[in-house]
């Protein structure tokens, strides 16, 4: 199969000088941040916060709308059935 030289679609945007400058600034900042190690306690805190957000999203999809306090009370790794609203 012969490939065409043009892309399959043409974007409806362009990269202006200001946008490119901002993209380079973000890339530069990311490179600097990656040089500094994250303290273990901060890493654990961020991981736990992500777990709580994931739990809230998952339980809402399953029609068990826990509030933030109920998610914080849940032990890591599982949600006790007593905390799920509407469960017997």
Foldseek 3Di string as FASTA:
>chain_A
DDDDPDDPDDDPDDDDPVNVVVVVVVVVVVVVVVVDDDDPVVVVVVVVVVVLVVVQVVCVVVVQRQDSVQSVPADPPDRDQVSGPPGD
